[in-house]
N, C-alpha and C. Protein backbone atom coordinates (compact mmCIF):
# COMPACT_ATOMS: atom_id res chain seq x y z
N UNK A 1 106.60 102.87 115.58
CA UNK A 1 106.17 102.02 114.55
C UNK A 1 107.15 101.01 114.56
N UNK A 2 106.75 99.96 114.40
CA UNK A 2 107.83 98.91 114.14
C UNK A 2 108.22 98.83 112.76
N UNK A 3 109.63 99.13 112.57
CA UNK A 3 110.11 98.89 111.15
C UNK A 3 110.37 97.30 110.91
N UNK A 4 110.26 96.63 111.90
CA UNK A 4 110.73 95.24 111.72
C UNK A 4 109.41 94.60 111.76
N UNK A 5 108.59 94.90 111.88
CA UNK A 5 107.20 94.17 111.75
C UNK A 5 107.06 93.81 110.16
N UNK A 6 106.00 92.88 109.98
CA UNK A 6 105.84 92.31 108.72
C UNK A 6 105.32 93.31 107.77
N UNK A 7 105.58 93.24 106.45
CA UNK A 7 104.95 93.97 105.31
C UNK A 7 103.73 93.13 105.16
N UNK A 8 102.57 94.09 104.95
CA UNK A 8 101.18 93.31 104.55
C UNK A 8 100.99 93.58 103.05
N UNK A 9 100.80 92.70 102.11
CA UNK A 9 100.54 93.03 100.86
C UNK A 9 99.43 92.31 100.54
N UNK A 10 98.43 93.12 100.24
CA UNK A 10 96.99 92.59 99.72
C UNK A 10 96.97 92.74 98.23
N UNK A 11 96.92 91.74 97.62
CA UNK A 11 97.15 91.67 96.10
C UNK A 11 96.77 90.45 95.55
N UNK A 12 95.86 90.10 94.69
CA UNK A 12 95.03 89.08 94.26
C UNK A 12 95.98 88.63 93.00
N UNK A 13 96.70 89.44 92.38
CA UNK A 13 97.41 89.02 91.24
C UNK A 13 98.63 88.26 91.49
N UNK A 14 98.90 86.98 91.25
CA UNK A 14 100.15 86.06 91.96
C UNK A 14 101.38 86.73 91.00
N UNK A 15 101.31 87.34 89.99
CA UNK A 15 102.29 87.77 89.22
C UNK A 15 103.09 89.11 90.09
N UNK A 16 102.07 89.75 90.37
CA UNK A 16 102.29 91.00 91.13
C UNK A 16 102.78 90.64 92.61
N UNK A 17 102.34 89.69 93.12
CA UNK A 17 103.02 89.17 94.43
C UNK A 17 104.28 88.75 94.22
N UNK A 18 104.59 88.01 93.20
CA UNK A 18 105.98 87.72 92.92
C UNK A 18 107.08 88.85 92.66
N UNK A 19 106.37 89.97 91.86
CA UNK A 19 107.22 91.33 91.58
C UNK A 19 107.63 91.85 92.81
N UNK A 20 106.54 92.13 93.67
CA UNK A 20 106.79 92.79 94.87
C UNK A 20 107.74 91.93 95.85
N UNK A 21 107.56 90.74 95.73
CA UNK A 21 108.76 90.04 96.63
C UNK A 21 110.17 90.27 96.21
N UNK A 22 110.26 90.09 94.88
CA UNK A 22 111.29 90.12 94.03
C UNK A 22 111.94 91.79 94.28
N UNK A 23 111.15 92.67 94.13
CA UNK A 23 111.63 93.79 94.36
C UNK A 23 112.00 94.30 95.61
N UNK A 24 111.22 93.88 96.80
CA UNK A 24 111.91 94.14 98.15
C UNK A 24 112.97 93.27 98.53
N UNK A 25 112.99 92.21 98.12
CA UNK A 25 114.20 91.35 97.97
C UNK A 25 115.42 92.23 97.21
N UNK A 26 115.36 92.50 96.23
CA UNK A 26 116.51 93.52 95.74
C UNK A 26 116.90 94.38 96.41
N UNK A 27 115.98 95.48 97.11
CA UNK A 27 116.21 96.43 97.96
C UNK A 27 116.63 96.12 99.03
N UNK A 28 116.86 94.84 99.44
CA UNK A 28 117.68 94.26 100.81
C UNK A 28 116.45 94.52 102.06
N UNK A 29 115.20 94.63 101.76
CA UNK A 29 114.24 94.53 102.82
C UNK A 29 114.18 93.24 103.39
N UNK A 30 114.38 93.23 104.55
CA UNK A 30 114.48 91.66 105.41
C UNK A 30 113.04 91.54 106.19
N UNK A 31 112.02 92.44 106.14
CA UNK A 31 110.77 92.36 106.75
C UNK A 31 110.17 91.06 106.20
N UNK A 32 109.39 90.38 107.03
CA UNK A 32 108.49 89.23 106.54
C UNK A 32 107.70 89.67 105.51
N UNK A 33 107.34 89.14 104.44
CA UNK A 33 106.11 89.80 103.60
C UNK A 33 104.93 88.63 103.56
N UNK A 34 103.76 89.20 104.26
CA UNK A 34 102.78 88.29 104.14
C UNK A 34 101.67 88.90 102.96
N UNK A 35 101.43 87.79 102.12
CA UNK A 35 100.49 88.28 101.20
C UNK A 35 99.13 87.43 101.30
N UNK A 36 98.20 88.56 100.96
CA UNK A 36 96.58 88.08 101.39
C UNK A 36 95.95 88.66 99.80
N UNK A 37 95.09 87.55 99.27
CA UNK A 37 94.71 87.83 97.80
C UNK A 37 93.28 88.62 97.90
N UNK A 38 92.80 88.97 99.15
CA UNK A 38 91.81 90.07 99.34
C UNK A 38 91.70 90.68 100.58
N UNK A 39 90.94 91.80 100.75
CA UNK A 39 90.94 92.46 102.03
C UNK A 39 90.36 91.74 103.19
N UNK A 40 89.43 90.64 102.93
CA UNK A 40 88.87 89.96 104.05
C UNK A 40 89.97 89.10 104.52
N UNK A 41 90.79 88.40 103.92
CA UNK A 41 91.74 87.67 104.48
C UNK A 41 92.64 88.65 105.00
N UNK A 42 93.02 89.94 104.64
CA UNK A 42 93.88 90.59 105.55
C UNK A 42 93.24 91.06 106.69
N UNK A 43 92.09 91.43 106.67
CA UNK A 43 91.27 92.10 107.93
C UNK A 43 91.46 90.90 108.99
N UNK A 44 91.10 89.38 108.49
CA UNK A 44 91.01 88.45 109.35
C UNK A 44 92.23 88.18 110.08
N UNK A 45 93.29 88.42 109.44
CA UNK A 45 94.83 88.07 110.02
C UNK A 45 94.87 89.50 110.92
N UNK A 46 94.63 90.69 110.46
CA UNK A 46 95.12 91.65 111.50
C UNK A 46 94.38 91.99 112.63
N UNK A 47 92.98 91.30 112.53
CA UNK A 47 92.22 91.25 113.79
C UNK A 47 92.67 90.33 114.91
N UNK A 48 93.33 89.41 114.44
CA UNK A 48 94.10 88.32 115.37
C UNK A 48 95.51 88.39 115.92
N UNK A 49 96.18 89.13 114.88
CA UNK A 49 97.67 89.13 115.33
C UNK A 49 98.02 90.09 116.28
N UNK A 50 98.84 89.62 117.15
CA UNK A 50 99.45 90.52 117.97
C UNK A 50 100.86 91.16 117.76
N UNK A 51 101.15 90.89 116.21
CA UNK A 51 102.15 91.61 115.75
C UNK A 51 101.98 93.01 115.44
N UNK A 52 102.91 93.78 115.24
CA UNK A 52 102.70 95.20 114.67
C UNK A 52 103.23 95.36 113.39
N UNK A 53 102.43 95.21 112.41
CA UNK A 53 102.80 95.42 111.05
C UNK A 53 103.72 96.50 110.85
N UNK A 54 104.52 96.58 109.82
CA UNK A 54 105.42 97.68 109.48
C UNK A 54 104.43 98.63 108.68
N UNK A 55 103.85 97.98 107.61
CA UNK A 55 103.19 98.53 106.47
C UNK A 55 101.97 97.77 105.76
N UNK A 56 101.13 98.43 105.28
CA UNK A 56 100.20 97.79 104.46
C UNK A 56 100.22 98.07 103.10
N UNK A 57 100.55 97.37 101.96
CA UNK A 57 100.53 97.87 100.54
C UNK A 57 99.27 96.87 100.06
N UNK A 58 98.40 97.84 99.67
CA UNK A 58 97.18 97.17 99.07
C UNK A 58 96.91 97.64 97.63
N UNK A 59 96.30 96.56 96.79
CA UNK A 59 95.73 96.87 95.94
C UNK A 59 94.16 97.20 95.72
N UNK A 60 93.74 97.88 94.93
CA UNK A 60 92.23 98.45 94.97
C UNK A 60 91.21 97.48 94.77
N UNK A 61 91.31 97.07 93.35
CA UNK A 61 90.48 95.93 92.93
C UNK A 61 90.56 94.61 93.20
N UNK A 62 89.87 93.85 93.88
CA UNK A 62 90.05 92.61 94.46
C UNK A 62 88.84 92.09 94.56
N UNK A 63 88.49 90.61 94.42
CA UNK A 63 87.37 89.82 95.07
C UNK A 63 86.97 89.90 96.38
N UNK A 64 85.80 89.60 96.79
CA UNK A 64 85.55 89.56 98.26
C UNK A 64 85.31 90.77 98.84
N UNK A 65 86.58 91.45 99.32
CA UNK A 65 86.78 92.83 99.94
C UNK A 65 87.73 93.54 99.31
N UNK A 66 87.40 94.66 98.40
CA UNK A 66 88.40 95.59 97.63
C UNK A 66 89.17 96.30 98.71
N UNK A 67 90.47 96.99 98.28
CA UNK A 67 90.87 97.98 99.17
C UNK A 67 90.39 98.89 100.12
N UNK A 68 89.68 99.64 99.21
CA UNK A 68 88.93 100.97 99.84
C UNK A 68 87.97 100.23 100.91
N UNK A 69 87.25 99.15 100.73
CA UNK A 69 86.53 98.51 101.81
C UNK A 69 87.44 98.00 103.21
N UNK A 70 88.69 97.47 102.72
CA UNK A 70 89.47 96.93 103.80
C UNK A 70 89.93 98.24 104.68
N UNK A 71 90.42 99.42 103.99
CA UNK A 71 90.69 100.48 104.59
C UNK A 71 89.80 101.10 105.55
N UNK A 72 88.44 101.11 104.94
CA UNK A 72 87.28 101.47 105.98
C UNK A 72 87.19 100.69 107.17
N UNK A 73 87.17 99.10 106.92
CA UNK A 73 87.17 98.44 107.99
C UNK A 73 88.14 98.64 109.10
N UNK A 74 89.51 98.84 108.42
CA UNK A 74 90.48 99.18 109.54
C UNK A 74 90.25 100.48 110.43
N UNK A 75 89.79 101.38 109.75
CA UNK A 75 89.51 102.62 110.32
C UNK A 75 88.32 102.57 111.27
N UNK A 76 87.41 101.53 111.10
CA UNK A 76 86.41 101.65 111.91
C UNK A 76 86.65 100.56 113.16
N UNK A 77 87.61 99.95 113.25
CA UNK A 77 88.14 99.11 114.15
C UNK A 77 89.06 99.79 115.27
N UNK A 78 88.74 99.94 116.50
CA UNK A 78 89.56 100.97 117.41
C UNK A 78 90.77 100.26 117.59
N UNK A 79 90.67 98.77 117.66
CA UNK A 79 92.25 98.24 118.07
C UNK A 79 92.96 98.39 116.82
N UNK A 80 92.43 98.17 115.52
CA UNK A 80 93.32 98.42 114.62
C UNK A 80 93.80 99.78 114.39
N UNK A 81 92.86 100.70 114.18
CA UNK A 81 93.22 102.14 114.23
C UNK A 81 94.25 102.87 115.19
N UNK A 82 94.33 101.91 116.34
CA UNK A 82 95.22 102.53 117.29
C UNK A 82 96.71 101.96 116.77
N UNK A 83 96.84 100.78 116.11
CA UNK A 83 97.94 100.19 115.91
C UNK A 83 98.41 101.12 114.58
N UNK A 84 97.77 102.05 114.14
CA UNK A 84 98.28 103.16 113.34
C UNK A 84 99.14 102.60 112.05
N UNK A 85 98.95 101.47 111.36
CA UNK A 85 99.81 100.76 110.51
C UNK A 85 99.45 101.50 109.20
N UNK A 86 100.73 102.23 108.71
CA UNK A 86 100.58 102.91 107.33
C UNK A 86 100.01 102.04 106.17
N UNK A 87 99.00 102.92 105.54
CA UNK A 87 98.33 101.99 104.68
C UNK A 87 98.27 102.68 103.25
N UNK A 88 99.17 102.00 102.22
CA UNK A 88 99.62 102.61 101.05
C UNK A 88 98.77 101.93 99.90
N UNK A 89 97.95 102.46 98.87
CA UNK A 89 97.59 101.86 97.78
C UNK A 89 98.80 101.55 96.93
N UNK A 90 98.66 100.50 96.33
CA UNK A 90 99.72 100.26 95.09
C UNK A 90 98.85 99.33 94.15
N UNK A 91 98.28 100.04 93.02
CA UNK A 91 97.66 99.46 92.07
C UNK A 91 97.62 99.76 90.72
N UNK A 92 97.42 99.12 89.86
CA UNK A 92 97.07 99.56 88.51
C UNK A 92 95.89 100.52 88.10
N UNK A 93 94.95 100.16 88.98
CA UNK A 93 93.50 101.04 88.73
C UNK A 93 94.03 102.42 89.22
N UNK A 94 93.93 103.40 88.64
CA UNK A 94 94.13 104.72 89.00
C UNK A 94 93.30 105.96 88.23
N UNK A 95 92.33 106.56 88.55
CA UNK A 95 91.61 107.68 88.20
C UNK A 95 91.52 108.45 89.11
N UNK A 96 90.75 109.84 88.87
CA UNK A 96 90.66 110.90 89.57
C UNK A 96 89.86 110.50 90.76
N UNK A 97 88.41 109.94 90.36
CA UNK A 97 87.64 109.59 91.57
C UNK A 97 88.05 108.60 92.55
N UNK A 98 88.85 107.77 92.18
CA UNK A 98 89.44 106.65 92.97
C UNK A 98 90.45 107.18 93.80
N UNK A 99 91.26 107.90 93.25
CA UNK A 99 92.42 108.73 94.22
C UNK A 99 91.68 109.69 95.21
N UNK A 100 90.49 110.20 94.74
CA UNK A 100 89.77 111.21 95.76
C UNK A 100 89.29 110.47 96.83
N UNK A 101 88.54 109.26 96.46
CA UNK A 101 87.95 108.54 97.35
C UNK A 101 88.89 107.80 98.19
N UNK A 102 89.99 107.39 97.83
CA UNK A 102 91.14 107.09 98.99
C UNK A 102 91.55 108.30 100.08
N UNK A 103 91.73 109.03 99.43
CA UNK A 103 92.18 110.30 100.32
C UNK A 103 91.06 110.90 100.91
N UNK A 104 89.93 110.60 100.74
CA UNK A 104 88.82 111.13 101.54
C UNK A 104 88.89 110.13 102.81
N UNK A 105 89.30 109.05 102.86
CA UNK A 105 89.52 107.91 103.82
C UNK A 105 90.79 108.17 104.57
N UNK A 106 91.53 109.08 104.19
CA UNK A 106 92.77 109.51 104.85
C UNK A 106 93.86 108.45 104.80
N UNK A 107 93.83 108.05 103.40
CA UNK A 107 94.80 107.00 103.17
C UNK A 107 96.44 107.70 103.27
N UNK A 108 97.40 107.07 103.43
CA UNK A 108 98.67 107.66 103.86
C UNK A 108 99.60 107.58 102.16
N UNK A 109 98.95 106.98 101.30
CA UNK A 109 99.62 107.04 100.11
C UNK A 109 98.81 106.31 99.01
N UNK A 110 99.03 106.79 97.51
CA UNK A 110 98.37 106.31 96.41
C UNK A 110 99.32 106.07 95.34
N UNK A 111 99.72 104.95 94.91
CA UNK A 111 100.75 104.70 93.79
C UNK A 111 100.06 103.99 92.66
N UNK A 112 100.39 104.35 91.56
CA UNK A 112 99.97 103.56 90.41
C UNK A 112 101.08 102.62 90.25
N UNK A 113 100.94 101.33 89.81
CA UNK A 113 101.98 100.35 89.61
C UNK A 113 102.64 101.03 88.57
N UNK A 114 103.91 101.02 88.45
CA UNK A 114 104.85 101.31 87.32
C UNK A 114 104.81 100.16 86.33
N UNK A 115 104.95 100.55 85.01
CA UNK A 115 105.15 99.25 84.26
C UNK A 115 106.60 98.70 84.02
N UNK A 116 107.56 99.46 84.34
CA UNK A 116 108.74 98.92 84.25
C UNK A 116 109.33 98.47 85.63
N UNK A 117 110.23 97.47 85.69
CA UNK A 117 110.65 96.85 86.77
C UNK A 117 111.59 98.00 87.57
N UNK A 118 112.05 98.67 86.95
CA UNK A 118 113.07 99.84 87.36
C UNK A 118 112.39 100.90 88.17
N UNK A 119 111.00 101.40 87.66
CA UNK A 119 110.43 102.48 88.21
C UNK A 119 109.52 101.90 89.25
N UNK A 120 109.29 100.70 89.10
CA UNK A 120 108.53 99.98 90.26
C UNK A 120 109.19 99.84 91.46
N UNK A 121 110.46 99.44 91.07
CA UNK A 121 111.62 99.19 92.39
C UNK A 121 111.78 100.63 93.02
N UNK A 122 111.69 101.67 92.41
CA UNK A 122 112.06 103.22 92.91
C UNK A 122 110.85 103.52 93.59
N UNK A 123 109.38 103.18 93.17
CA UNK A 123 108.26 103.48 93.99
C UNK A 123 108.37 102.82 95.22
N UNK A 124 108.67 101.30 95.35
CA UNK A 124 108.73 100.71 96.35
C UNK A 124 109.63 101.19 97.43
N UNK A 125 110.89 101.67 96.87
CA UNK A 125 112.01 102.05 97.65
C UNK A 125 111.74 103.33 98.20
N UNK A 126 111.15 104.27 97.68
CA UNK A 126 110.67 105.59 98.18
C UNK A 126 109.46 105.19 99.33
N UNK A 127 108.53 104.24 99.10
CA UNK A 127 107.76 103.96 100.04
C UNK A 127 108.39 103.40 101.64
N UNK A 128 109.26 102.59 101.24
CA UNK A 128 110.09 101.98 102.50
C UNK A 128 110.97 102.99 103.21
N UNK A 129 111.65 103.69 102.46
CA UNK A 129 112.64 104.84 102.90
C UNK A 129 111.62 105.87 103.74
N UNK A 130 110.57 106.31 103.33
CA UNK A 130 109.67 107.22 103.66
C UNK A 130 109.18 106.64 105.18
N UNK A 131 108.69 105.47 105.38
CA UNK A 131 108.05 105.09 106.33
C UNK A 131 109.00 104.53 107.58
N UNK A 132 110.18 104.27 106.95
CA UNK A 132 111.40 103.94 107.79
C UNK A 132 111.78 105.00 108.70
N UNK A 133 111.92 106.33 108.22
CA UNK A 133 112.28 107.54 108.58
C UNK A 133 111.13 108.49 109.39
N UNK A 134 110.01 107.88 109.28
CA UNK A 134 109.02 108.54 109.51
C UNK A 134 108.61 108.49 111.17
N UNK A 135 108.33 109.59 111.82
CA UNK A 135 108.02 109.50 113.42
C UNK A 135 106.54 108.97 113.26
N UNK A 136 106.11 108.01 114.20
CA UNK A 136 104.77 107.46 114.18
C UNK A 136 104.34 107.41 115.64
N UNK A 137 103.26 107.29 116.02
CA UNK A 137 102.78 107.10 117.29
C UNK A 137 103.09 105.92 118.03
N UNK A 138 103.45 104.80 117.24
CA UNK A 138 104.02 103.81 118.00
C UNK A 138 105.53 104.05 118.46
N UNK A 139 106.06 104.90 117.97
CA UNK A 139 107.54 105.06 118.16
C UNK A 139 107.69 105.47 119.80
N UNK A 140 106.31 106.11 120.25
CA UNK A 140 106.67 106.46 121.65
C UNK A 140 105.93 105.66 122.84
N UNK A 141 105.84 104.24 122.48
CA UNK A 141 105.13 103.58 123.36
C UNK A 141 106.48 102.63 124.11
């Protein structure tokens, strides 16, 4: 896995986009951060880019294509599936059915956005540290 690749944030709320950017900056994350306001825009980018993204952070409820639909489209696309990009839900929407549905799709994580800056920062820090240290199929190419 390229830990230097861009972080893809699929998030329709501009305030949350700014928050994610600020937290990652405070954590010293130097990866480029690419924001997409819905799953379709992210999918369009992912299907044409030659870059190996480091991570996808995705909201669930968005217009056009929601996060679950995006994850399913990535799983159905052989080229994107082979890229094995870690896919983590980061959303305010969280209930047992939604979490179960996400894990039935083999998502790599599901976080409910914390309401405090400090706790949100700890969530993102845990995600980044985990995926930077994790072995991945792309480590061996």
